[in-house]
Amino acid sequence: MPTTRPRHFVTETDDLAEALDRAAERWPGISRPQLLVRLALQGDRAAVEAREARRDRRLAAIAELGGSLSGVYGPDYLSDLREDWPS
């Protein structure tokens, strides 16, 4: 089929063949190239969701711990520390 889009050629390794066989069980009646596209898109969605979940966990930790060390260091802490540094 004519297209202006790039084409990608993939060699079906043993691991990829197994993944495509499992995908064919999930989506029967779909060609192997179409299964490969579905797997790629599904993998991308899973990666995006995992990245968002990591970000949400980090933000929750920041919200939980933010300000927990307030008052630990006095107002002159840095200047006192810098007095010990060589000039």
PDB file of N, CA and C in Angstrom:
ATOM      1  N   MET A   1       0.851  -1.165   0.000  1.00  0.00           N
ATOM      2  CA  MET A   1       0.000   0.000   0.000  1.00  0.00           C
ATOM      3  C   MET A   1       0.904   1.238   0.000  1.00  0.00           C
ATOM      4  N   PRO A   2       0.682   2.181  -0.897  1.00  0.00           N
ATOM      5  CA  PRO A   2       1.501   3.395  -0.937  1.00  0.00           C
ATOM      6  C   PRO A   2       1.297   4.229   0.322  1.00  0.00           C
ATOM      7  N   THR A   3       2.390   4.810   0.797  1.00  0.00           N
ATOM      8  CA  THR A   3       2.318   5.666   1.977  1.00  0.00           C
ATOM      9  C   THR A   3       3.490   6.629   1.973  1.00  0.00           C
ATOM     10  N   THR A   4       3.306   7.766   2.597  1.00  0.00           N
ATOM     11  CA  THR A   4       4.407   8.705   2.775  1.00  0.00           C
ATOM     12  C   THR A   4       5.049   8.531   4.146  1.00  0.00           C
ATOM     13  N   ARG A   5       4.468   7.661   4.953  1.00  0.00           N
ATOM     14  CA  ARG A   5       4.972   7.417   6.308  1.00  0.00           C
ATOM     15  C   ARG A   5       6.125   6.430   6.267  1.00  0.00           C
ATOM     16  N   PRO A   6       7.043   6.501   7.243  1.00  0.00           N
ATOM     17  CA  PRO A   6       8.135   5.535   7.280  1.00  0.00           C
ATOM     18  C   PRO A   6       7.620   4.122   7.563  1.00  0.00           C
ATOM     19  N   ARG A   7       8.278   3.158   6.981  1.00  0.00           N
ATOM     20  CA  ARG A   7       7.954   1.759   7.256  1.00  0.00           C
ATOM     21  C   ARG A   7       9.056   1.188   8.145  1.00  0.00           C
ATOM     22  N   HIS A   8       8.680   0.233   8.977  1.00  0.00           N
ATOM     23  CA  HIS A   8       9.638  -0.384   9.890  1.00  0.00           C
ATOM     24  C   HIS A   8       9.625  -1.888   9.646  1.00  0.00           C
ATOM     25  N   PHE A   9      10.808  -2.442   9.526  1.00  0.00           N
ATOM     26  CA  PHE A   9      10.924  -3.876   9.305  1.00  0.00           C
ATOM     27  C   PHE A   9      11.486  -4.503  10.570  1.00  0.00           C
ATOM     28  N   VAL A  10      10.812  -5.525  11.063  1.00  0.00           N
ATOM     29  CA  VAL A  10      11.196  -6.179  12.312  1.00  0.00           C
ATOM     30  C   VAL A  10      11.348  -7.664  12.048  1.00  0.00           C
ATOM     31  N   THR A  11      12.455  -8.215  12.516  1.00  0.00           N
ATOM     32  CA  THR A  11      12.653  -9.658  12.408  1.00  0.00           C
ATOM     33  C   THR A  11      11.953 -10.335  13.573  1.00  0.00           C
ATOM     34  N   GLU A  12      11.197 -11.361  13.272  1.00  0.00           N
ATOM     35  CA  GLU A  12      10.450 -12.063  14.312  1.00  0.00           C
ATOM     36  C   GLU A  12      11.382 -13.042  15.016  1.00  0.00           C
ATOM     37  N   THR A  13      11.918 -12.623  16.160  1.00  0.00           N
ATOM     38  CA  THR A  13      12.757 -13.482  16.986  1.00  0.00           C
ATOM     39  C   THR A  13      11.877 -14.455  17.761  1.00  0.00           C
ATOM     40  N   ASP A  14      12.496 -15.380  18.463  1.00  0.00           N
ATOM     41  CA  ASP A  14      11.723 -16.335  19.265  1.00  0.00           C
ATOM     42  C   ASP A  14      10.881 -15.612  20.322  1.00  0.00           C
ATOM     43  N   ASP A  15      11.492 -14.633  21.006  1.00  0.00           N
ATOM     44  CA  ASP A  15      10.757 -13.889  22.035  1.00  0.00           C
ATOM     45  C   ASP A  15       9.584 -13.123  21.441  1.00  0.00           C
ATOM     46  N   LEU A  16       9.814 -12.477  20.302  1.00  0.00           N
ATOM     47  CA  LEU A  16       8.745 -11.727  19.656  1.00  0.00           C
ATOM     48  C   LEU A  16       7.645 -12.664  19.163  1.00  0.00           C
ATOM     49  N   ALA A  17       8.035 -13.817  18.639  1.00  0.00           N
ATOM     50  CA  ALA A  17       7.040 -14.791  18.173  1.00  0.00           C
ATOM     51  C   ALA A  17       6.147 -15.238  19.329  1.00  0.00           C
ATOM     52  N   GLU A  18       6.750 -15.478  20.489  1.00  0.00           N
ATOM     53  CA  GLU A  18       5.961 -15.873  21.660  1.00  0.00           C
ATOM     54  C   GLU A  18       5.009 -14.756  22.082  1.00  0.00           C
ATOM     55  N   ALA A  19       5.503 -13.519  22.070  1.00  0.00           N
ATOM     56  CA  ALA A  19       4.650 -12.384  22.431  1.00  0.00           C
ATOM     57  C   ALA A  19       3.496 -12.243  21.438  1.00  0.00           C
ATOM     58  N   LEU A  20       3.784 -12.429  20.161  1.00  0.00           N
ATOM     59  CA  LEU A  20       2.734 -12.338  19.150  1.00  0.00           C
ATOM     60  C   LEU A  20       1.737 -13.485  19.280  1.00  0.00           C
ATOM     61  N   ASP A  21       2.216 -14.678  19.630  1.00  0.00           N
ATOM     62  CA  ASP A  21       1.309 -15.811  19.851  1.00  0.00           C
ATOM     63  C   ASP A  21       0.357 -15.521  21.008  1.00  0.00           C
ATOM     64  N   ARG A  22       0.898 -14.949  22.098  1.00  0.00           N
ATOM     65  CA  ARG A  22       0.040 -14.602  23.238  1.00  0.00           C
ATOM     66  C   ARG A  22      -0.940 -13.500  22.853  1.00  0.00           C
ATOM     67  N   ALA A  23      -0.472 -12.535  22.055  1.00  0.00           N
ATOM     68  CA  ALA A  23      -1.357 -11.455  21.606  1.00  0.00           C
ATOM     69  C   ALA A  23      -2.472 -12.008  20.723  1.00  0.00           C
ATOM     70  N   ALA A  24      -2.163 -13.016  19.913  1.00  0.00           N
ATOM     71  CA  ALA A  24      -3.173 -13.624  19.035  1.00  0.00           C
ATOM     72  C   ALA A  24      -4.268 -14.307  19.856  1.00  0.00           C
ATOM     73  N   GLU A  25      -3.919 -14.801  21.035  1.00  0.00           N
ATOM     74  CA  GLU A  25      -4.931 -15.389  21.918  1.00  0.00           C
ATOM     75  C   GLU A  25      -5.861 -14.299  22.451  1.00  0.00           C
ATOM     76  N   ARG A  26      -5.281 -13.119  22.749  1.00  0.00           N
ATOM     77  CA  ARG A  26      -6.080 -12.000  23.248  1.00  0.00           C
ATOM     78  C   ARG A  26      -6.943 -11.389  22.165  1.00  0.00           C
ATOM     79  N   TRP A  27      -6.359 -11.270  20.962  1.00  0.00           N
ATOM     80  CA  TRP A  27      -7.043 -10.621  19.846  1.00  0.00           C
ATOM     81  C   TRP A  27      -7.078 -11.573  18.648  1.00  0.00           C
ATOM     82  N   PRO A  28      -7.929 -12.583  18.684  1.00  0.00           N
ATOM     83  CA  PRO A  28      -7.958 -13.555  17.585  1.00  0.00           C
ATOM     84  C   PRO A  28      -8.410 -12.916  16.271  1.00  0.00           C
ATOM     85  N   GLY A  29      -7.926 -13.469  15.178  1.00  0.00           N
ATOM     86  CA  GLY A  29      -8.339 -13.018  13.867  1.00  0.00           C
ATOM     87  C   GLY A  29      -7.613 -11.780  13.358  1.00  0.00           C
ATOM     88  N   ILE A  30      -6.579 -11.346  14.069  1.00  0.00           N
ATOM     89  CA  ILE A  30      -5.821 -10.161  13.658  1.00  0.00           C
ATOM     90  C   ILE A  30      -4.475 -10.618  13.113  1.00  0.00           C
ATOM     91  N   SER A  31      -4.020  -9.982  12.054  1.00  0.00           N
ATOM     92  CA  SER A  31      -2.745 -10.362  11.439  1.00  0.00           C
ATOM     93  C   SER A  31      -1.586 -10.070  12.392  1.00  0.00           C
ATOM     94  N   ARG A  32      -0.476 -10.734  12.170  1.00  0.00           N
ATOM     95  CA  ARG A  32       0.699 -10.535  13.034  1.00  0.00           C
ATOM     96  C   ARG A  32       1.212  -9.095  12.978  1.00  0.00           C
ATOM     97  N   PRO A  33       1.259  -8.455  11.796  1.00  0.00           N
ATOM     98  CA  PRO A  33       1.671  -7.048  11.810  1.00  0.00           C
ATOM     99  C   PRO A  33       0.726  -6.162  12.626  1.00  0.00           C
ATOM    100  N   GLN A  34      -0.575  -6.425  12.549  1.00  0.00           N
ATOM    101  CA  GLN A  34      -1.531  -5.652  13.340  1.00  0.00           C
ATOM    102  C   GLN A  34      -1.365  -5.943  14.832  1.00  0.00           C
ATOM    103  N   LEU A  35      -1.048  -7.192  15.160  1.00  0.00           N
ATOM    104  CA  LEU A  35      -0.795  -7.530  16.557  1.00  0.00           C
ATOM    105  C   LEU A  35       0.430  -6.786  17.071  1.00  0.00           C
ATOM    106  N   LEU A  36       1.443  -6.695  16.244  1.00  0.00           N
ATOM    107  CA  LEU A  36       2.659  -5.979  16.630  1.00  0.00           C
ATOM    108  C   LEU A  36       2.355  -4.510  16.919  1.00  0.00           C
ATOM    109  N   VAL A  37       1.523  -3.910  16.092  1.00  0.00           N
ATOM    110  CA  VAL A  37       1.124  -2.513  16.320  1.00  0.00           C
ATOM    111  C   VAL A  37       0.362  -2.397  17.638  1.00  0.00           C
ATOM    112  N   ARG A  38      -0.569  -3.296  17.879  1.00  0.00           N
ATOM    113  CA  ARG A  38      -1.341  -3.241  19.141  1.00  0.00           C
ATOM    114  C   ARG A  38      -0.432  -3.399  20.344  1.00  0.00           C
ATOM    115  N   LEU A  39       0.516  -4.343  20.254  1.00  0.00           N
ATOM    116  CA  LEU A  39       1.444  -4.545  21.370  1.00  0.00           C
ATOM    117  C   LEU A  39       2.298  -3.304  21.607  1.00  0.00           C
ATOM    118  N   ALA A  40       2.758  -2.677  20.536  1.00  0.00           N
ATOM    119  CA  ALA A  40       3.575  -1.472  20.684  1.00  0.00           C
ATOM    120  C   ALA A  40       2.772  -0.359  21.346  1.00  0.00           C
ATOM    121  N   LEU A  41       1.545  -0.150  20.902  1.00  0.00           N
ATOM    122  CA  LEU A  41       0.717   0.911  21.476  1.00  0.00           C
ATOM    123  C   LEU A  41       0.346   0.606  22.924  1.00  0.00           C
ATOM    124  N   GLN A  42       0.058  -0.656  23.204  1.00  0.00           N
ATOM    125  CA  GLN A  42      -0.270  -1.052  24.573  1.00  0.00           C
ATOM    126  C   GLN A  42       0.951  -0.871  25.484  1.00  0.00           C
ATOM    127  N   GLY A  43       2.128  -1.235  24.987  1.00  0.00           N
ATOM    128  CA  GLY A  43       3.357  -1.043  25.761  1.00  0.00           C
ATOM    129  C   GLY A  43       3.624   0.424  26.038  1.00  0.00           C
ATOM    130  N   ASP A  44       3.376   1.274  25.051  1.00  0.00           N
ATOM    131  CA  ASP A  44       3.563   2.711  25.246  1.00  0.00           C
ATOM    132  C   ASP A  44       2.602   3.236  26.303  1.00  0.00           C
ATOM    133  N   ARG A  45       1.339   2.815  26.236  1.00  0.00           N
ATOM    134  CA  ARG A  45       0.358   3.260  27.250  1.00  0.00           C
ATOM    135  C   ARG A  45       0.794   2.811  28.646  1.00  0.00           C
ATOM    136  N   ALA A  46       1.288   1.576  28.756  1.00  0.00           N
ATOM    137  CA  ALA A  46       1.730   1.074  30.053  1.00  0.00           C
ATOM    138  C   ALA A  46       2.924   1.886  30.568  1.00  0.00           C
ATOM    139  N   ALA A  47       3.841   2.250  29.675  1.00  0.00           N
ATOM    140  CA  ALA A  47       5.002   3.041  30.078  1.00  0.00           C
ATOM    141  C   ALA A  47       4.579   4.439  30.534  1.00  0.00           C
ATOM    142  N   VAL A  48       3.641   5.044  29.832  1.00  0.00           N
ATOM    143  CA  VAL A  48       3.142   6.375  30.214  1.00  0.00           C
ATOM    144  C   VAL A  48       2.465   6.291  31.584  1.00  0.00           C
ATOM    145  N   GLU A  49       1.635   5.272  31.780  1.00  0.00           N
ATOM    146  CA  GLU A  49       0.954   5.117  33.069  1.00  0.00           C
ATOM    147  C   GLU A  49       1.951   4.896  34.200  1.00  0.00           C
ATOM    148  N   ALA A  50       2.994   4.107  33.951  1.00  0.00           N
ATOM    149  CA  ALA A  50       4.016   3.862  34.980  1.00  0.00           C
ATOM    150  C   ALA A  50       4.758   5.149  35.313  1.00  0.00           C
ATOM    151  N   ARG A  51       5.087   5.952  34.288  1.00  0.00           N
ATOM    152  CA  ARG A  51       5.776   7.218  34.517  1.00  0.00           C
ATOM    153  C   ARG A  51       4.897   8.158  35.334  1.00  0.00           C
ATOM    154  N   GLU A  52       3.612   8.222  35.003  1.00  0.00           N
ATOM    155  CA  GLU A  52       2.697   9.087  35.754  1.00  0.00           C
ATOM    156  C   GLU A  52       2.541   8.607  37.196  1.00  0.00           C
ATOM    157  N   ALA A  53       2.509   7.296  37.389  1.00  0.00           N
ATOM    158  CA  ALA A  53       2.384   6.758  38.748  1.00  0.00           C
ATOM    159  C   ALA A  53       3.631   7.089  39.570  1.00  0.00           C
ATOM    160  N   ARG A  54       4.823   6.991  38.956  1.00  0.00           N
ATOM    161  CA  ARG A  54       6.057   7.362  39.663  1.00  0.00           C
ATOM    162  C   ARG A  54       6.034   8.845  40.033  1.00  0.00           C
ATOM    163  N   ARG A  55       5.607   9.683  39.089  1.00  0.00           N
ATOM    164  CA  ARG A  55       5.529  11.118  39.360  1.00  0.00           C
ATOM    165  C   ARG A  55       4.556  11.386  40.509  1.00  0.00           C
ATOM    166  N   ASP A  56       3.403  10.727  40.488  1.00  0.00           N
ATOM    167  CA  ASP A  56       2.413  10.927  41.546  1.00  0.00           C
ATOM    168  C   ASP A  56       2.959  10.497  42.905  1.00  0.00           C
ATOM    169  N   ARG A  57       3.708   9.377  42.938  1.00  0.00           N
ATOM    170  CA  ARG A  57       4.308   8.922  44.205  1.00  0.00           C
ATOM    171  C   ARG A  57       5.337   9.933  44.711  1.00  0.00           C
ATOM    172  N   ARG A  58       6.159  10.465  43.795  1.00  0.00           N
ATOM    173  CA  ARG A  58       7.155  11.468  44.211  1.00  0.00           C
ATOM    174  C   ARG A  58       6.474  12.725  44.740  1.00  0.00           C
ATOM    175  N   LEU A  59       5.440  13.189  44.039  1.00  0.00           N
ATOM    176  CA  LEU A  59       4.739  14.382  44.498  1.00  0.00           C
ATOM    177  C   LEU A  59       4.064  14.150  45.848  1.00  0.00           C
ATOM    178  N   ALA A  60       3.528  12.960  46.045  1.00  0.00           N
ATOM    179  CA  ALA A  60       2.902  12.641  47.345  1.00  0.00           C
ATOM    180  C   ALA A  60       3.954  12.642  48.458  1.00  0.00           C
ATOM    181  N   ALA A  61       5.138  12.109  48.165  1.00  0.00           N
ATOM    182  CA  ALA A  61       6.210  12.100  49.164  1.00  0.00           C
ATOM    183  C   ALA A  61       6.651  13.523  49.484  1.00  0.00           C
ATOM    184  N   ILE A  62       6.749  14.361  48.465  1.00  0.00           N
ATOM    185  CA  ILE A  62       7.131  15.757  48.692  1.00  0.00           C
ATOM    186  C   ILE A  62       6.080  16.454  49.548  1.00  0.00           C
ATOM    187  N   ALA A  63       4.807  16.231  49.222  1.00  0.00           N
ATOM    188  CA  ALA A  63       3.730  16.857  49.993  1.00  0.00           C
ATOM    189  C   ALA A  63       3.747  16.366  51.442  1.00  0.00           C
ATOM    190  N   GLU A  64       4.037  15.092  51.623  1.00  0.00           N
ATOM    191  CA  GLU A  64       4.045  14.516  52.978  1.00  0.00           C
ATOM    192  C   GLU A  64       5.228  15.014  53.798  1.00  0.00           C
ATOM    193  N   LEU A  65       6.394  15.104  53.167  1.00  0.00           N
ATOM    194  CA  LEU A  65       7.610  15.421  53.910  1.00  0.00           C
ATOM    195  C   LEU A  65       8.005  16.893  53.844  1.00  0.00           C
ATOM    196  N   GLY A  66       7.397  17.634  52.936  1.00  0.00           N
ATOM    197  CA  GLY A  66       7.737  19.046  52.797  1.00  0.00           C
ATOM    198  C   GLY A  66       7.553  19.797  54.099  1.00  0.00           C
ATOM    199  N   GLY A  67       8.577  20.519  54.511  1.00  0.00           N
ATOM    200  CA  GLY A  67       8.514  21.300  55.735  1.00  0.00           C
ATOM    201  C   GLY A  67       8.804  20.506  56.992  1.00  0.00           C
ATOM    202  N   SER A  68       9.075  19.220  56.870  1.00  0.00           N
ATOM    203  CA  SER A  68       9.301  18.407  58.067  1.00  0.00           C
ATOM    204  C   SER A  68      10.616  18.745  58.769  1.00  0.00           C
ATOM    205  N   LEU A  69      11.517  19.423  58.093  1.00  0.00           N
ATOM    206  CA  LEU A  69      12.782  19.811  58.718  1.00  0.00           C
ATOM    207  C   LEU A  69      12.835  21.298  59.049  1.00  0.00           C
ATOM    208  N   SER A  70      11.674  21.949  58.978  1.00  0.00           N
ATOM    209  CA  SER A  70      11.633  23.375  59.329  1.00  0.00           C
ATOM    210  C   SER A  70      12.101  23.561  60.764  1.00  0.00           C
ATOM    211  N   GLY A  71      12.976  24.529  60.952  1.00  0.00           N
ATOM    212  CA  GLY A  71      13.465  24.835  62.292  1.00  0.00           C
ATOM    213  C   GLY A  71      14.645  23.986  62.726  1.00  0.00           C
ATOM    214  N   VAL A  72      15.049  22.995  61.942  1.00  0.00           N
ATOM    215  CA  VAL A  72      16.187  22.154  62.324  1.00  0.00           C
ATOM    216  C   VAL A  72      17.476  22.955  62.263  1.00  0.00           C
ATOM    217  N   TYR A  73      17.604  23.798  61.261  1.00  0.00           N
ATOM    218  CA  TYR A  73      18.794  24.630  61.103  1.00  0.00           C
ATOM    219  C   TYR A  73      18.451  26.058  61.518  1.00  0.00           C
ATOM    220  N   GLY A  74      19.274  26.627  62.353  1.00  0.00           N
ATOM    221  CA  GLY A  74      19.041  27.980  62.838  1.00  0.00           C
ATOM    222  C   GLY A  74      19.253  29.015  61.750  1.00  0.00           C
ATOM    223  N   PRO A  75      18.888  30.255  62.029  1.00  0.00           N
ATOM    224  CA  PRO A  75      18.979  31.306  61.012  1.00  0.00           C
ATOM    225  C   PRO A  75      20.413  31.589  60.566  1.00  0.00           C
ATOM    226  N   ASP A  76      21.405  31.368  61.415  1.00  0.00           N
ATOM    227  CA  ASP A  76      22.800  31.656  61.061  1.00  0.00           C
ATOM    228  C   ASP A  76      23.575  30.400  60.704  1.00  0.00           C
ATOM    229  N   TYR A  77      22.887  29.308  60.443  1.00  0.00           N
ATOM    230  CA  TYR A  77      23.553  28.030  60.201  1.00  0.00           C
ATOM    231  C   TYR A  77      24.554  28.112  59.053  1.00  0.00           C
ATOM    232  N   LEU A  78      24.149  28.663  57.911  1.00  0.00           N
ATOM    233  CA  LEU A  78      25.046  28.699  56.761  1.00  0.00           C
ATOM    234  C   LEU A  78      26.246  29.601  56.999  1.00  0.00           C
ATOM    235  N   SER A  79      26.027  30.764  57.578  1.00  0.00           N
ATOM    236  CA  SER A  79      27.168  31.653  57.810  1.00  0.00           C
ATOM    237  C   SER A  79      28.131  31.032  58.822  1.00  0.00           C
ATOM    238  N   ASP A  80      27.610  30.352  59.837  1.00  0.00           N
ATOM    239  CA  ASP A  80      28.483  29.664  60.803  1.00  0.00           C
ATOM    240  C   ASP A  80      29.253  28.536  60.105  1.00  0.00           C
ATOM    241  N   LEU A  81      28.614  27.818  59.251  1.00  0.00           N
ATOM    242  CA  LEU A  81      29.276  26.732  58.523  1.00  0.00           C
ATOM    243  C   LEU A  81      30.374  27.273  57.611  1.00  0.00           C
ATOM    244  N   ARG A  82      30.093  28.373  56.945  1.00  0.00           N
ATOM    245  CA  ARG A  82      31.058  28.948  55.999  1.00  0.00           C
ATOM    246  C   ARG A  82      32.278  29.543  56.703  1.00  0.00           C
ATOM    247  N   GLU A  83      32.164  29.877  57.969  1.00  0.00           N
ATOM    248  CA  GLU A  83      33.315  30.382  58.719  1.00  0.00           C
ATOM    249  C   GLU A  83      34.417  29.336  58.779  1.00  0.00           C
ATOM    250  N   ASP A  84      34.065  28.070  58.710  1.00  0.00           N
ATOM    251  CA  ASP A  84      35.066  27.008  58.779  1.00  0.00           C
ATOM    252  C   ASP A  84      35.734  26.752  57.438  1.00  0.00           C
ATOM    253  N   TRP A  85      35.208  27.322  56.376  1.00  0.00           N
ATOM    254  CA  TRP A  85      35.776  27.083  55.041  1.00  0.00           C
ATOM    255  C   TRP A  85      37.028  27.920  54.849  1.00  0.00           C
ATOM    256  N   PRO A  86      37.988  27.374  54.123  1.00  0.00           N
ATOM    257  CA  PRO A  86      39.174  28.185  53.837  1.00  0.00           C
ATOM    258  C   PRO A  86      38.821  29.345  52.909  1.00  0.00           C
ATOM    259  N   SER A  87      39.498  30.435  53.060  1.00  0.00           N
ATOM    260  CA  SER A  87      39.233  31.629  52.229  1.00  0.00           C
ATOM    261  C   SER A  87      39.812  31.493  50.856  1.00  0.00           C
TER     262      SER A  87
END
